Amino acid sequence: MKAGSSAQALAASMNISAANAGTGLGAIAGGAAIAQLGLPSLSYLAAGIAVLAIVLALAMARPRPATAR
């Protein structure tokens, strides 16, 4: 909240919106996986989402080189 001190309410609402979107998309993906592939496929779907989240987190945490001014 330090970086967005002038828009804390917006940042908080975006955070909650992202969490709700993740919950909804997870339910949609899980329902589709059950309908198409059966209940055992949920473990593979969950593992794939977890790996994707780890890769995304590592990509975002990678230090970026300083830009020339």
PDB file of N, CA and C in Angstrom:
ATOM      1  N   MET A   1       0.809  -1.194   0.000  1.00  0.00           N
ATOM      2  CA  MET A   1       0.000   0.000   0.000  1.00  0.00           C
ATOM      3  C   MET A   1       0.855   1.262   0.000  1.00  0.00           C
ATOM      4  N   LYS A   2       2.152   1.111   0.267  1.00  0.00           N
ATOM      5  CA  LYS A   2       3.026   2.291   0.247  1.00  0.00           C
ATOM      6  C   LYS A   2       3.139   2.869  -1.159  1.00  0.00           C
ATOM      7  N   ALA A   3       3.256   1.982  -2.153  1.00  0.00           N
ATOM      8  CA  ALA A   3       3.451   2.451  -3.524  1.00  0.00           C
ATOM      9  C   ALA A   3       2.216   3.140  -4.074  1.00  0.00           C
ATOM     10  N   GLY A   4       1.054   2.740  -3.629  1.00  0.00           N
ATOM     11  CA  GLY A   4      -0.175   3.340  -4.134  1.00  0.00           C
ATOM     12  C   GLY A   4      -0.926   4.077  -3.052  1.00  0.00           C
ATOM     13  N   SER A   5      -0.231   4.947  -2.334  1.00  0.00           N
ATOM     14  CA  SER A   5      -0.854   5.610  -1.190  1.00  0.00           C
ATOM     15  C   SER A   5      -2.041   6.478  -1.589  1.00  0.00           C
ATOM     16  N   SER A   6      -2.057   6.967  -2.815  1.00  0.00           N
ATOM     17  CA  SER A   6      -3.170   7.814  -3.220  1.00  0.00           C
ATOM     18  C   SER A   6      -4.369   7.005  -3.722  1.00  0.00           C
ATOM     19  N   ALA A   7      -4.195   5.730  -3.918  1.00  0.00           N
ATOM     20  CA  ALA A   7      -5.283   4.895  -4.438  1.00  0.00           C
ATOM     21  C   ALA A   7      -5.388   3.584  -3.667  1.00  0.00           C
ATOM     22  N   GLN A   8      -5.383   3.658  -2.349  1.00  0.00           N
ATOM     23  CA  GLN A   8      -5.426   2.443  -1.538  1.00  0.00           C
ATOM     24  C   GLN A   8      -6.740   1.691  -1.704  1.00  0.00           C
ATOM     25  N   ALA A   9      -7.842   2.411  -1.812  1.00  0.00           N
ATOM     26  CA  ALA A   9      -9.135   1.745  -1.975  1.00  0.00           C
ATOM     27  C   ALA A   9      -9.185   0.987  -3.307  1.00  0.00           C
ATOM     28  N   LEU A  10      -8.654   1.589  -4.354  1.00  0.00           N
ATOM     29  CA  LEU A  10      -8.617   0.928  -5.659  1.00  0.00           C
ATOM     30  C   LEU A  10      -7.743  -0.316  -5.604  1.00  0.00           C
ATOM     31  N   ALA A  11      -6.578  -0.210  -4.974  1.00  0.00           N
ATOM     32  CA  ALA A  11      -5.676  -1.363  -4.870  1.00  0.00           C
ATOM     33  C   ALA A  11      -6.331  -2.492  -4.080  1.00  0.00           C
ATOM     34  N   ALA A  12      -7.010  -2.172  -2.994  1.00  0.00           N
ATOM     35  CA  ALA A  12      -7.671  -3.199  -2.192  1.00  0.00           C
ATOM     36  C   ALA A  12      -8.805  -3.853  -2.964  1.00  0.00           C
ATOM     37  N   SER A  13      -9.581  -3.069  -3.689  1.00  0.00           N
ATOM     38  CA  SER A  13     -10.691  -3.648  -4.447  1.00  0.00           C
ATOM     39  C   SER A  13     -10.183  -4.493  -5.612  1.00  0.00           C
ATOM     40  N   MET A  14      -9.072  -4.100  -6.233  1.00  0.00           N
ATOM     41  CA  MET A  14      -8.495  -4.914  -7.300  1.00  0.00           C
ATOM     42  C   MET A  14      -7.972  -6.246  -6.747  1.00  0.00           C
ATOM     43  N   ASN A  15      -7.408  -6.211  -5.554  1.00  0.00           N
ATOM     44  CA  ASN A  15      -6.914  -7.430  -4.922  1.00  0.00           C
ATOM     45  C   ASN A  15      -8.062  -8.404  -4.665  1.00  0.00           C
ATOM     46  N   ILE A  16      -9.156  -7.915  -4.106  1.00  0.00           N
ATOM     47  CA  ILE A  16     -10.317  -8.771  -3.840  1.00  0.00           C
ATOM     48  C   ILE A  16     -10.917  -9.272  -5.151  1.00  0.00           C
ATOM     49  N   SER A  17     -10.979  -8.406  -6.158  1.00  0.00           N
ATOM     50  CA  SER A  17     -11.527  -8.810  -7.457  1.00  0.00           C
ATOM     51  C   SER A  17     -10.693  -9.912  -8.085  1.00  0.00           C
ATOM     52  N   ALA A  18      -9.388  -9.814  -7.974  1.00  0.00           N
ATOM     53  CA  ALA A  18      -8.511 -10.846  -8.529  1.00  0.00           C
ATOM     54  C   ALA A  18      -8.712 -12.173  -7.797  1.00  0.00           C
ATOM     55  N   ALA A  19      -8.877 -12.129  -6.494  1.00  0.00           N
ATOM     56  CA  ALA A  19      -9.114 -13.353  -5.729  1.00  0.00           C
ATOM     57  C   ALA A  19     -10.438 -13.989  -6.132  1.00  0.00           C
ATOM     58  N   ASN A  20     -11.477 -13.177  -6.286  1.00  0.00           N
ATOM     59  CA  ASN A  20     -12.775 -13.703  -6.695  1.00  0.00           C
ATOM     60  C   ASN A  20     -12.727 -14.260  -8.122  1.00  0.00           C
ATOM     61  N   ALA A  21     -12.002 -13.594  -9.007  1.00  0.00           N
ATOM     62  CA  ALA A  21     -11.863 -14.097 -10.369  1.00  0.00           C
ATOM     63  C   ALA A  21     -11.134 -15.441 -10.388  1.00  0.00           C
ATOM     64  N   GLY A  22     -10.108 -15.575  -9.559  1.00  0.00           N
ATOM     65  CA  GLY A  22      -9.388 -16.844  -9.461  1.00  0.00           C
ATOM     66  C   GLY A  22     -10.275 -17.963  -8.961  1.00  0.00           C
ATOM     67  N   THR A  23     -11.116 -17.667  -7.987  1.00  0.00           N
ATOM     68  CA  THR A  23     -12.045 -18.669  -7.468  1.00  0.00           C
ATOM     69  C   THR A  23     -13.031 -19.097  -8.546  1.00  0.00           C
ATOM     70  N   GLY A  24     -13.566 -18.131  -9.268  1.00  0.00           N
ATOM     71  CA  GLY A  24     -14.525 -18.449 -10.326  1.00  0.00           C
ATOM     72  C   GLY A  24     -13.897 -19.219 -11.470  1.00  0.00           C
ATOM     73  N   LEU A  25     -12.717 -18.786 -11.904  1.00  0.00           N
ATOM     74  CA  LEU A  25     -12.039 -19.487 -13.001  1.00  0.00           C
ATOM     75  C   LEU A  25     -11.623 -20.898 -12.590  1.00  0.00           C
ATOM     76  N   GLY A  26     -11.238 -21.056 -11.333  1.00  0.00           N
ATOM     77  CA  GLY A  26     -10.895 -22.394 -10.848  1.00  0.00           C
ATOM     78  C   GLY A  26     -12.099 -23.323 -10.845  1.00  0.00           C
ATOM     79  N   ALA A  27     -13.260 -22.789 -10.471  1.00  0.00           N
ATOM     80  CA  ALA A  27     -14.481 -23.594 -10.484  1.00  0.00           C
ATOM     81  C   ALA A  27     -14.867 -23.973 -11.906  1.00  0.00           C
ATOM     82  N   ILE A  28     -14.720 -23.028 -12.829  1.00  0.00           N
ATOM     83  CA  ILE A  28     -15.032 -23.319 -14.233  1.00  0.00           C
ATOM     84  C   ILE A  28     -14.078 -24.384 -14.783  1.00  0.00           C
ATOM     85  N   ALA A  29     -12.781 -24.221 -14.524  1.00  0.00           N
ATOM     86  CA  ALA A  29     -11.795 -25.188 -15.024  1.00  0.00           C
ATOM     87  C   ALA A  29     -12.017 -26.562 -14.399  1.00  0.00           C
ATOM     88  N   GLY A  30     -12.314 -26.599 -13.112  1.00  0.00           N
ATOM     89  CA  GLY A  30     -12.562 -27.878 -12.448  1.00  0.00           C
ATOM     90  C   GLY A  30     -13.806 -28.565 -12.969  1.00  0.00           C
ATOM     91  N   GLY A  31     -14.869 -27.793 -13.162  1.00  0.00           N
ATOM     92  CA  GLY A  31     -16.100 -28.372 -13.712  1.00  0.00           C
ATOM     93  C   GLY A  31     -15.908 -28.901 -15.112  1.00  0.00           C
ATOM     94  N   ALA A  32     -15.167 -28.157 -15.931  1.00  0.00           N
ATOM     95  CA  ALA A  32     -14.905 -28.617 -17.295  1.00  0.00           C
ATOM     96  C   ALA A  32     -14.045 -29.877 -17.285  1.00  0.00           C
ATOM     97  N   ALA A  33     -13.063 -29.934 -16.401  1.00  0.00           N
ATOM     98  CA  ALA A  33     -12.201 -31.118 -16.331  1.00  0.00           C
ATOM     99  C   ALA A  33     -12.994 -32.342 -15.891  1.00  0.00           C
ATOM    100  N   ILE A  34     -13.884 -32.167 -14.920  1.00  0.00           N
ATOM    101  CA  ILE A  34     -14.705 -33.299 -14.474  1.00  0.00           C
ATOM    102  C   ILE A  34     -15.638 -33.755 -15.587  1.00  0.00           C
ATOM    103  N   ALA A  35     -16.250 -32.801 -16.285  1.00  0.00           N
ATOM    104  CA  ALA A  35     -17.197 -33.154 -17.345  1.00  0.00           C
ATOM    105  C   ALA A  35     -16.503 -33.852 -18.517  1.00  0.00           C
ATOM    106  N   GLN A  36     -15.307 -33.402 -18.867  1.00  0.00           N
ATOM    107  CA  GLN A  36     -14.630 -33.954 -20.048  1.00  0.00           C
ATOM    108  C   GLN A  36     -13.792 -35.194 -19.741  1.00  0.00           C
ATOM    109  N   LEU A  37     -13.092 -35.169 -18.590  1.00  0.00           N
ATOM    110  CA  LEU A  37     -12.098 -36.217 -18.322  1.00  0.00           C
ATOM    111  C   LEU A  37     -12.380 -37.067 -17.091  1.00  0.00           C
ATOM    112  N   GLY A  38     -13.334 -36.673 -16.277  1.00  0.00           N
ATOM    113  CA  GLY A  38     -13.661 -37.425 -15.079  1.00  0.00           C
ATOM    114  C   GLY A  38     -12.987 -36.856 -13.837  1.00  0.00           C
ATOM    115  N   LEU A  39     -13.431 -37.340 -12.699  1.00  0.00           N
ATOM    116  CA  LEU A  39     -12.966 -36.832 -11.410  1.00  0.00           C
ATOM    117  C   LEU A  39     -11.466 -37.000 -11.168  1.00  0.00           C
ATOM    118  N   PRO A  40     -10.837 -38.101 -11.581  1.00  0.00           N
ATOM    119  CA  PRO A  40      -9.388 -38.239 -11.343  1.00  0.00           C
ATOM    120  C   PRO A  40      -8.530 -37.186 -12.034  1.00  0.00           C
ATOM    121  N   SER A  41      -9.078 -36.516 -13.042  1.00  0.00           N
ATOM    122  CA  SER A  41      -8.290 -35.510 -13.759  1.00  0.00           C
ATOM    123  C   SER A  41      -8.049 -34.250 -12.935  1.00  0.00           C
ATOM    124  N   LEU A  42      -8.784 -34.068 -11.852  1.00  0.00           N
ATOM    125  CA  LEU A  42      -8.613 -32.852 -11.048  1.00  0.00           C
ATOM    126  C   LEU A  42      -7.220 -32.742 -10.445  1.00  0.00           C
ATOM    127  N   SER A  43      -6.623 -33.863 -10.083  1.00  0.00           N
ATOM    128  CA  SER A  43      -5.280 -33.800  -9.506  1.00  0.00           C
ATOM    129  C   SER A  43      -4.257 -33.308 -10.530  1.00  0.00           C
ATOM    130  N   TYR A  44      -4.416 -33.727 -11.776  1.00  0.00           N
ATOM    131  CA  TYR A  44      -3.509 -33.261 -12.833  1.00  0.00           C
ATOM    132  C   TYR A  44      -3.734 -31.776 -13.140  1.00  0.00           C
ATOM    133  N   LEU A  45      -4.984 -31.374 -13.152  1.00  0.00           N
ATOM    134  CA  LEU A  45      -5.301 -29.964 -13.382  1.00  0.00           C
ATOM    135  C   LEU A  45      -4.725 -29.092 -12.263  1.00  0.00           C
ATOM    136  N   ALA A  46      -4.899 -29.526 -11.033  1.00  0.00           N
ATOM    137  CA  ALA A  46      -4.375 -28.761  -9.895  1.00  0.00           C
ATOM    138  C   ALA A  46      -2.846 -28.681  -9.937  1.00  0.00           C
ATOM    139  N   ALA A  47      -2.204 -29.775 -10.283  1.00  0.00           N
ATOM    140  CA  ALA A  47      -0.739 -29.765 -10.381  1.00  0.00           C
ATOM    141  C   ALA A  47      -0.281 -28.835 -11.495  1.00  0.00           C
ATOM    142  N   GLY A  48      -0.969 -28.845 -12.609  1.00  0.00           N
ATOM    143  CA  GLY A  48      -0.613 -27.962 -13.714  1.00  0.00           C
ATOM    144  C   GLY A  48      -0.776 -26.495 -13.349  1.00  0.00           C
ATOM    145  N   ILE A  49      -1.850 -26.163 -12.650  1.00  0.00           N
ATOM    146  CA  ILE A  49      -2.062 -24.783 -12.220  1.00  0.00           C
ATOM    147  C   ILE A  49      -0.993 -24.369 -11.223  1.00  0.00           C
ATOM    148  N   ALA A  50      -0.608 -25.275 -10.323  1.00  0.00           N
ATOM    149  CA  ALA A  50       0.431 -24.963  -9.336  1.00  0.00           C
ATOM    150  C   ALA A  50       1.775 -24.712 -10.020  1.00  0.00           C
ATOM    151  N   VAL A  51       2.113 -25.540 -10.994  1.00  0.00           N
ATOM    152  CA  VAL A  51       3.373 -25.349 -11.724  1.00  0.00           C
ATOM    153  C   VAL A  51       3.349 -24.028 -12.486  1.00  0.00           C
ATOM    154  N   LEU A  52       2.228 -23.719 -13.104  1.00  0.00           N
ATOM    155  CA  LEU A  52       2.089 -22.446 -13.817  1.00  0.00           C
ATOM    156  C   LEU A  52       2.256 -21.262 -12.870  1.00  0.00           C
ATOM    157  N   ALA A  53       1.685 -21.355 -11.680  1.00  0.00           N
ATOM    158  CA  ALA A  53       1.806 -20.277 -10.698  1.00  0.00           C
ATOM    159  C   ALA A  53       3.248 -20.104 -10.232  1.00  0.00           C
ATOM    160  N   ILE A  54       3.955 -21.200 -10.044  1.00  0.00           N
ATOM    161  CA  ILE A  54       5.358 -21.121  -9.624  1.00  0.00           C
ATOM    162  C   ILE A  54       6.210 -20.486 -10.714  1.00  0.00           C
ATOM    163  N   VAL A  55       6.001 -20.913 -11.954  1.00  0.00           N
ATOM    164  CA  VAL A  55       6.765 -20.340 -13.073  1.00  0.00           C
ATOM    165  C   VAL A  55       6.487 -18.841 -13.194  1.00  0.00           C
ATOM    166  N   LEU A  56       5.230 -18.456 -13.070  1.00  0.00           N
ATOM    167  CA  LEU A  56       4.870 -17.046 -13.156  1.00  0.00           C
ATOM    168  C   LEU A  56       5.491 -16.242 -12.012  1.00  0.00           C
ATOM    169  N   ALA A  57       5.465 -16.792 -10.802  1.00  0.00           N
ATOM    170  CA  ALA A  57       6.064 -16.104  -9.663  1.00  0.00           C
ATOM    171  C   ALA A  57       7.569 -15.940  -9.832  1.00  0.00           C
ATOM    172  N   LEU A  58       8.230 -16.967 -10.329  1.00  0.00           N
ATOM    173  CA  LEU A  58       9.677 -16.872 -10.555  1.00  0.00           C
ATOM    174  C   LEU A  58      10.003 -15.863 -11.648  1.00  0.00           C
ATOM    175  N   ALA A  59       9.184 -15.827 -12.686  1.00  0.00           N
ATOM    176  CA  ALA A  59       9.416 -14.858 -13.759  1.00  0.00           C
ATOM    177  C   ALA A  59       9.223 -13.431 -13.267  1.00  0.00           C
ATOM    178  N   MET A  60       8.263 -13.227 -12.391  1.00  0.00           N
ATOM    179  CA  MET A  60       8.007 -11.878 -11.871  1.00  0.00           C
ATOM    180  C   MET A  60       9.056 -11.459 -10.847  1.00  0.00           C
ATOM    181  N   ALA A  61       9.658 -12.424 -10.160  1.00  0.00           N
ATOM    182  CA  ALA A  61      10.628 -12.111  -9.105  1.00  0.00           C
ATOM    183  C   ALA A  61      12.034 -11.911  -9.648  1.00  0.00           C
ATOM    184  N   ARG A  62      12.251 -12.260 -10.898  1.00  0.00           N
ATOM    185  CA  ARG A  62      13.583 -12.148 -11.507  1.00  0.00           C
ATOM    186  C   ARG A  62      14.000 -10.675 -11.571  1.00  0.00           C
ATOM    187  N   PRO A  63      15.199 -10.362 -11.113  1.00  0.00           N
ATOM    188  CA  PRO A  63      15.636  -8.972 -11.172  1.00  0.00           C
ATOM    189  C   PRO A  63      15.807  -8.514 -12.620  1.00  0.00           C
ATOM    190  N   ARG A  64      15.425  -7.309 -12.877  1.00  0.00           N
ATOM    191  CA  ARG A  64      15.525  -6.748 -14.227  1.00  0.00           C
ATOM    192  C   ARG A  64      16.753  -5.833 -14.299  1.00  0.00           C
ATOM    193  N   PRO A  65      17.408  -5.831 -15.439  1.00  0.00           N
ATOM    194  CA  PRO A  65      18.582  -4.948 -15.569  1.00  0.00           C
ATOM    195  C   PRO A  65      18.148  -3.482 -15.553  1.00  0.00           C
ATOM    196  N   ALA A  66      19.047  -2.653 -15.065  1.00  0.00           N
ATOM    197  CA  ALA A  66      18.768  -1.218 -15.027  1.00  0.00           C
ATOM    198  C   ALA A  66      18.752  -0.664 -16.446  1.00  0.00           C
ATOM    199  N   THR A  67      17.844   0.240 -16.685  1.00  0.00           N
ATOM    200  CA  THR A  67      17.752   0.834 -18.024  1.00  0.00           C
ATOM    201  C   THR A  67      18.676   2.038 -18.110  1.00  0.00           C
ATOM    202  N   ALA A  68      19.200   2.265 -19.292  1.00  0.00           N
ATOM    203  CA  ALA A  68      20.070   3.419 -19.513  1.00  0.00           C
ATOM    204  C   ALA A  68      19.236   4.685 -19.611  1.00  0.00           C
ATOM    205  N   ARG A  69      19.738   5.744 -19.041  1.00  0.00           N
ATOM    206  CA  ARG A  69      19.020   7.024 -19.076  1.00  0.00           C
ATOM    207  C   ARG A  69      19.668   7.986 -19.995  1.00  0.00           C
TER     208      ARG A  69
END
